[in-house]
């Protein structure tokens, strides 16, 4: 399984998000590869389909929105619904 962790230069990688991601992978028992992708700016966010930092995609699908993701891309901070 391919997991992409997108983050912006401004916010960086977030240790608590990385830890939660690793725990979820362990709990699922999945064989997963995490790919870390830095998003440079707004144009790069559009190109990479980044919904904000951090964005986590599993096999290209956003973990929050699934297949119905919004069309607004940003390199700014992302807030998840909880």
N, C-alpha and C. Protein backbone atom coordinates (compact mmCIF):
# COMPACT_ATOMS: atom_id res chain seq x y z
N UNK A 1 0.85 -1.17 0.00
CA UNK A 1 0.00 0.00 0.00
C UNK A 1 0.90 1.24 0.00
N UNK A 2 0.55 2.20 -0.83
CA UNK A 2 1.31 3.44 -0.93
C UNK A 2 0.56 4.55 -0.18
N UNK A 3 1.24 5.17 0.77
CA UNK A 3 0.68 6.28 1.53
C UNK A 3 1.54 7.50 1.26
N UNK A 4 0.89 8.59 0.85
CA UNK A 4 1.62 9.84 0.61
C UNK A 4 1.28 10.84 1.71
N UNK A 5 2.32 11.38 2.32
CA UNK A 5 2.19 12.39 3.37
C UNK A 5 2.68 13.70 2.75
N UNK A 6 1.75 14.60 2.43
CA UNK A 6 2.11 15.90 1.84
C UNK A 6 2.17 16.95 2.94
N UNK A 7 3.21 17.75 2.90
CA UNK A 7 3.37 18.80 3.90
C UNK A 7 3.99 20.02 3.24
N UNK A 8 3.73 21.19 3.82
CA UNK A 8 4.30 22.41 3.25
C UNK A 8 5.60 22.76 3.95
N UNK A 9 6.40 23.51 3.27
CA UNK A 9 7.66 23.99 3.84
C UNK A 9 7.38 24.82 5.08
N UNK A 10 6.30 25.61 5.06
CA UNK A 10 5.97 26.51 6.18
C UNK A 10 5.60 25.74 7.44
N UNK A 11 4.81 24.67 7.31
CA UNK A 11 4.37 23.94 8.50
C UNK A 11 5.27 22.76 8.84
N UNK A 12 5.98 22.25 7.86
CA UNK A 12 6.86 21.11 8.10
C UNK A 12 6.09 19.84 8.40
N UNK A 13 6.85 18.77 8.65
CA UNK A 13 6.23 17.51 9.05
C UNK A 13 5.88 17.61 10.53
N UNK A 14 4.74 17.05 10.89
CA UNK A 14 4.25 17.17 12.26
C UNK A 14 4.37 15.82 12.97
N UNK A 15 5.19 15.76 14.03
CA UNK A 15 5.45 14.49 14.72
C UNK A 15 4.19 13.77 15.19
N UNK A 16 3.19 14.51 15.69
CA UNK A 16 1.98 13.85 16.18
C UNK A 16 1.19 13.20 15.04
N UNK A 17 1.23 13.80 13.86
CA UNK A 17 0.55 13.22 12.70
C UNK A 17 1.31 11.98 12.23
N UNK A 18 2.63 12.06 12.20
CA UNK A 18 3.43 10.91 11.79
C UNK A 18 3.23 9.74 12.74
N UNK A 19 3.17 10.02 14.04
CA UNK A 19 2.96 8.96 15.04
C UNK A 19 1.59 8.32 14.86
N UNK A 20 0.54 9.12 14.67
CA UNK A 20 -0.81 8.59 14.46
C UNK A 20 -0.86 7.73 13.19
N UNK A 21 -0.18 8.18 12.16
CA UNK A 21 -0.13 7.43 10.91
C UNK A 21 0.55 6.08 11.11
N UNK A 22 1.68 6.07 11.80
CA UNK A 22 2.40 4.82 12.05
C UNK A 22 1.56 3.86 12.90
N UNK A 23 0.87 4.39 13.92
CA UNK A 23 0.01 3.55 14.76
C UNK A 23 -1.14 2.95 13.95
N UNK A 24 -1.73 3.73 13.05
CA UNK A 24 -2.82 3.24 12.21
C UNK A 24 -2.33 2.12 11.29
N UNK A 25 -1.15 2.29 10.74
CA UNK A 25 -0.58 1.26 9.86
C UNK A 25 -0.34 -0.02 10.65
N UNK A 26 0.26 0.12 11.84
CA UNK A 26 0.52 -1.06 12.68
C UNK A 26 -0.78 -1.77 13.05
N UNK A 27 -1.80 -1.00 13.44
CA UNK A 27 -3.08 -1.58 13.85
C UNK A 27 -3.76 -2.32 12.70
N UNK A 28 -3.58 -1.83 11.48
CA UNK A 28 -4.22 -2.46 10.32
C UNK A 28 -3.47 -3.70 9.85
N UNK A 29 -2.19 -3.77 10.20
CA UNK A 29 -1.37 -4.88 9.74
C UNK A 29 -0.99 -4.78 8.28
N UNK A 30 -1.24 -3.63 7.68
CA UNK A 30 -0.96 -3.44 6.25
C UNK A 30 0.54 -3.30 5.99
N UNK A 31 0.95 -3.74 4.83
CA UNK A 31 2.32 -3.52 4.37
C UNK A 31 2.30 -2.19 3.63
N UNK A 32 2.80 -1.14 4.27
CA UNK A 32 2.67 0.21 3.71
C UNK A 32 4.01 0.89 3.53
N UNK A 33 4.08 1.67 2.48
CA UNK A 33 5.25 2.52 2.21
C UNK A 33 4.77 3.97 2.33
N UNK A 34 5.44 4.75 3.19
CA UNK A 34 5.09 6.16 3.34
C UNK A 34 6.04 6.99 2.49
N UNK A 35 5.46 7.83 1.64
CA UNK A 35 6.24 8.73 0.79
C UNK A 35 5.97 10.15 1.27
N UNK A 36 7.03 10.86 1.64
CA UNK A 36 6.92 12.23 2.13
C UNK A 36 7.14 13.19 0.97
N UNK A 37 6.16 14.08 0.75
CA UNK A 37 6.21 15.01 -0.37
C UNK A 37 6.09 16.44 0.15
N UNK A 38 7.11 17.25 -0.09
CA UNK A 38 7.05 18.65 0.31
C UNK A 38 6.33 19.46 -0.77
N UNK A 39 5.42 20.31 -0.34
CA UNK A 39 4.67 21.19 -1.23
C UNK A 39 5.26 22.59 -1.08
N UNK A 40 5.74 23.16 -2.18
CA UNK A 40 6.49 24.41 -2.14
C UNK A 40 5.62 25.66 -1.98
N UNK A 41 4.53 25.73 -2.75
CA UNK A 41 3.70 26.95 -2.78
C UNK A 41 2.33 26.60 -3.35
N UNK A 42 1.51 27.62 -3.59
CA UNK A 42 0.14 27.40 -4.08
C UNK A 42 0.09 26.68 -5.43
N UNK A 43 0.97 27.06 -6.34
CA UNK A 43 1.00 26.40 -7.65
C UNK A 43 1.38 24.93 -7.51
N UNK A 44 2.36 24.65 -6.67
CA UNK A 44 2.77 23.27 -6.43
C UNK A 44 1.64 22.49 -5.77
N UNK A 45 0.89 23.14 -4.88
CA UNK A 45 -0.26 22.50 -4.22
C UNK A 45 -1.31 22.09 -5.25
N UNK A 46 -1.57 22.95 -6.22
CA UNK A 46 -2.53 22.61 -7.28
C UNK A 46 -2.03 21.41 -8.08
N UNK A 47 -0.76 21.45 -8.45
CA UNK A 47 -0.17 20.37 -9.24
C UNK A 47 -0.22 19.03 -8.49
N UNK A 48 0.04 19.07 -7.18
CA UNK A 48 0.08 17.84 -6.37
C UNK A 48 -1.26 17.50 -5.72
N UNK A 49 -2.28 18.35 -5.95
CA UNK A 49 -3.61 18.15 -5.37
C UNK A 49 -3.55 18.12 -3.84
N UNK A 50 -2.80 19.05 -3.29
CA UNK A 50 -2.65 19.14 -1.84
C UNK A 50 -3.80 19.97 -1.25
N UNK A 51 -4.51 19.39 -0.30
CA UNK A 51 -5.66 20.05 0.33
C UNK A 51 -5.26 20.84 1.57
N UNK A 52 -3.99 20.97 1.80
CA UNK A 52 -3.46 21.67 2.97
C UNK A 52 -2.45 20.78 3.66
N UNK A 53 -1.69 21.37 4.55
CA UNK A 53 -0.62 20.64 5.21
C UNK A 53 -1.00 20.29 6.64
N UNK A 54 -1.05 18.99 6.96
CA UNK A 54 -0.68 17.84 6.13
C UNK A 54 -1.88 17.27 5.38
N UNK A 55 -1.59 16.67 4.23
CA UNK A 55 -2.58 15.89 3.49
C UNK A 55 -2.06 14.46 3.44
N UNK A 56 -2.92 13.51 3.78
CA UNK A 56 -2.55 12.10 3.74
C UNK A 56 -3.42 11.42 2.69
N UNK A 57 -2.77 10.73 1.77
CA UNK A 57 -3.47 9.99 0.72
C UNK A 57 -3.05 8.53 0.77
N UNK A 58 -4.03 7.64 0.67
CA UNK A 58 -3.77 6.21 0.60
C UNK A 58 -4.15 5.76 -0.80
N UNK A 59 -3.16 5.27 -1.52
CA UNK A 59 -3.36 4.88 -2.92
C UNK A 59 -3.99 6.03 -3.72
N UNK A 60 -3.57 7.26 -3.41
CA UNK A 60 -4.03 8.44 -4.14
C UNK A 60 -5.34 9.04 -3.66
N UNK A 61 -5.98 8.40 -2.68
CA UNK A 61 -7.28 8.87 -2.18
C UNK A 61 -7.08 9.58 -0.84
N UNK A 62 -7.63 10.78 -0.72
CA UNK A 62 -7.52 11.55 0.51
C UNK A 62 -8.23 10.82 1.65
N UNK A 63 -7.60 10.78 2.85
CA UNK A 63 -8.16 10.02 3.97
C UNK A 63 -9.42 10.65 4.55
N UNK A 64 -9.63 11.93 4.38
CA UNK A 64 -10.82 12.57 4.92
C UNK A 64 -11.96 12.64 3.90
N UNK A 65 -11.66 13.05 2.70
CA UNK A 65 -12.70 13.29 1.70
C UNK A 65 -12.99 12.10 0.79
N UNK A 66 -12.08 11.16 0.72
CA UNK A 66 -12.28 10.03 -0.19
C UNK A 66 -12.30 10.52 -1.63
N UNK A 67 -13.24 10.03 -2.39
CA UNK A 67 -13.32 10.37 -3.81
C UNK A 67 -14.03 11.69 -4.07
N UNK A 68 -14.58 12.31 -3.05
CA UNK A 68 -15.33 13.56 -3.23
C UNK A 68 -14.58 14.76 -2.66
N UNK A 69 -13.30 14.83 -2.96
CA UNK A 69 -12.49 15.92 -2.42
C UNK A 69 -12.82 17.25 -3.08
N UNK A 70 -12.65 18.34 -2.33
CA UNK A 70 -12.90 19.67 -2.91
C UNK A 70 -11.88 20.00 -3.99
N UNK A 71 -12.18 21.02 -4.77
CA UNK A 71 -11.28 21.43 -5.85
C UNK A 71 -10.39 22.60 -5.45
N UNK A 72 -10.32 22.89 -4.17
CA UNK A 72 -9.48 23.98 -3.68
C UNK A 72 -8.22 23.38 -3.07
N UNK A 73 -7.09 23.74 -3.64
CA UNK A 73 -5.81 23.21 -3.18
C UNK A 73 -4.98 24.33 -2.57
N UNK A 74 -4.23 23.99 -1.52
CA UNK A 74 -3.45 25.00 -0.82
C UNK A 74 -2.22 24.38 -0.16
N UNK A 75 -1.23 25.20 0.07
CA UNK A 75 -0.05 24.76 0.81
C UNK A 75 -0.14 25.22 2.26
N UNK A 76 -1.25 25.86 2.62
CA UNK A 76 -1.45 26.34 3.99
C UNK A 76 -1.82 25.22 4.95
N UNK A 77 -2.03 25.57 6.19
CA UNK A 77 -2.38 24.61 7.22
C UNK A 77 -3.73 23.97 6.94
N UNK A 78 -3.81 22.68 7.14
CA UNK A 78 -5.07 21.95 6.96
C UNK A 78 -5.65 21.60 8.33
N UNK A 79 -6.95 21.78 8.45
CA UNK A 79 -7.68 21.42 9.66
C UNK A 79 -8.66 20.31 9.31
N UNK A 80 -8.57 19.20 10.04
CA UNK A 80 -9.45 18.06 9.79
C UNK A 80 -10.69 18.15 10.66
N UNK A 81 -11.81 17.62 10.15
CA UNK A 81 -13.03 17.51 10.95
C UNK A 81 -12.82 16.39 11.97
N UNK A 82 -13.18 16.66 13.21
CA UNK A 82 -13.03 15.63 14.25
C UNK A 82 -14.33 15.38 14.95
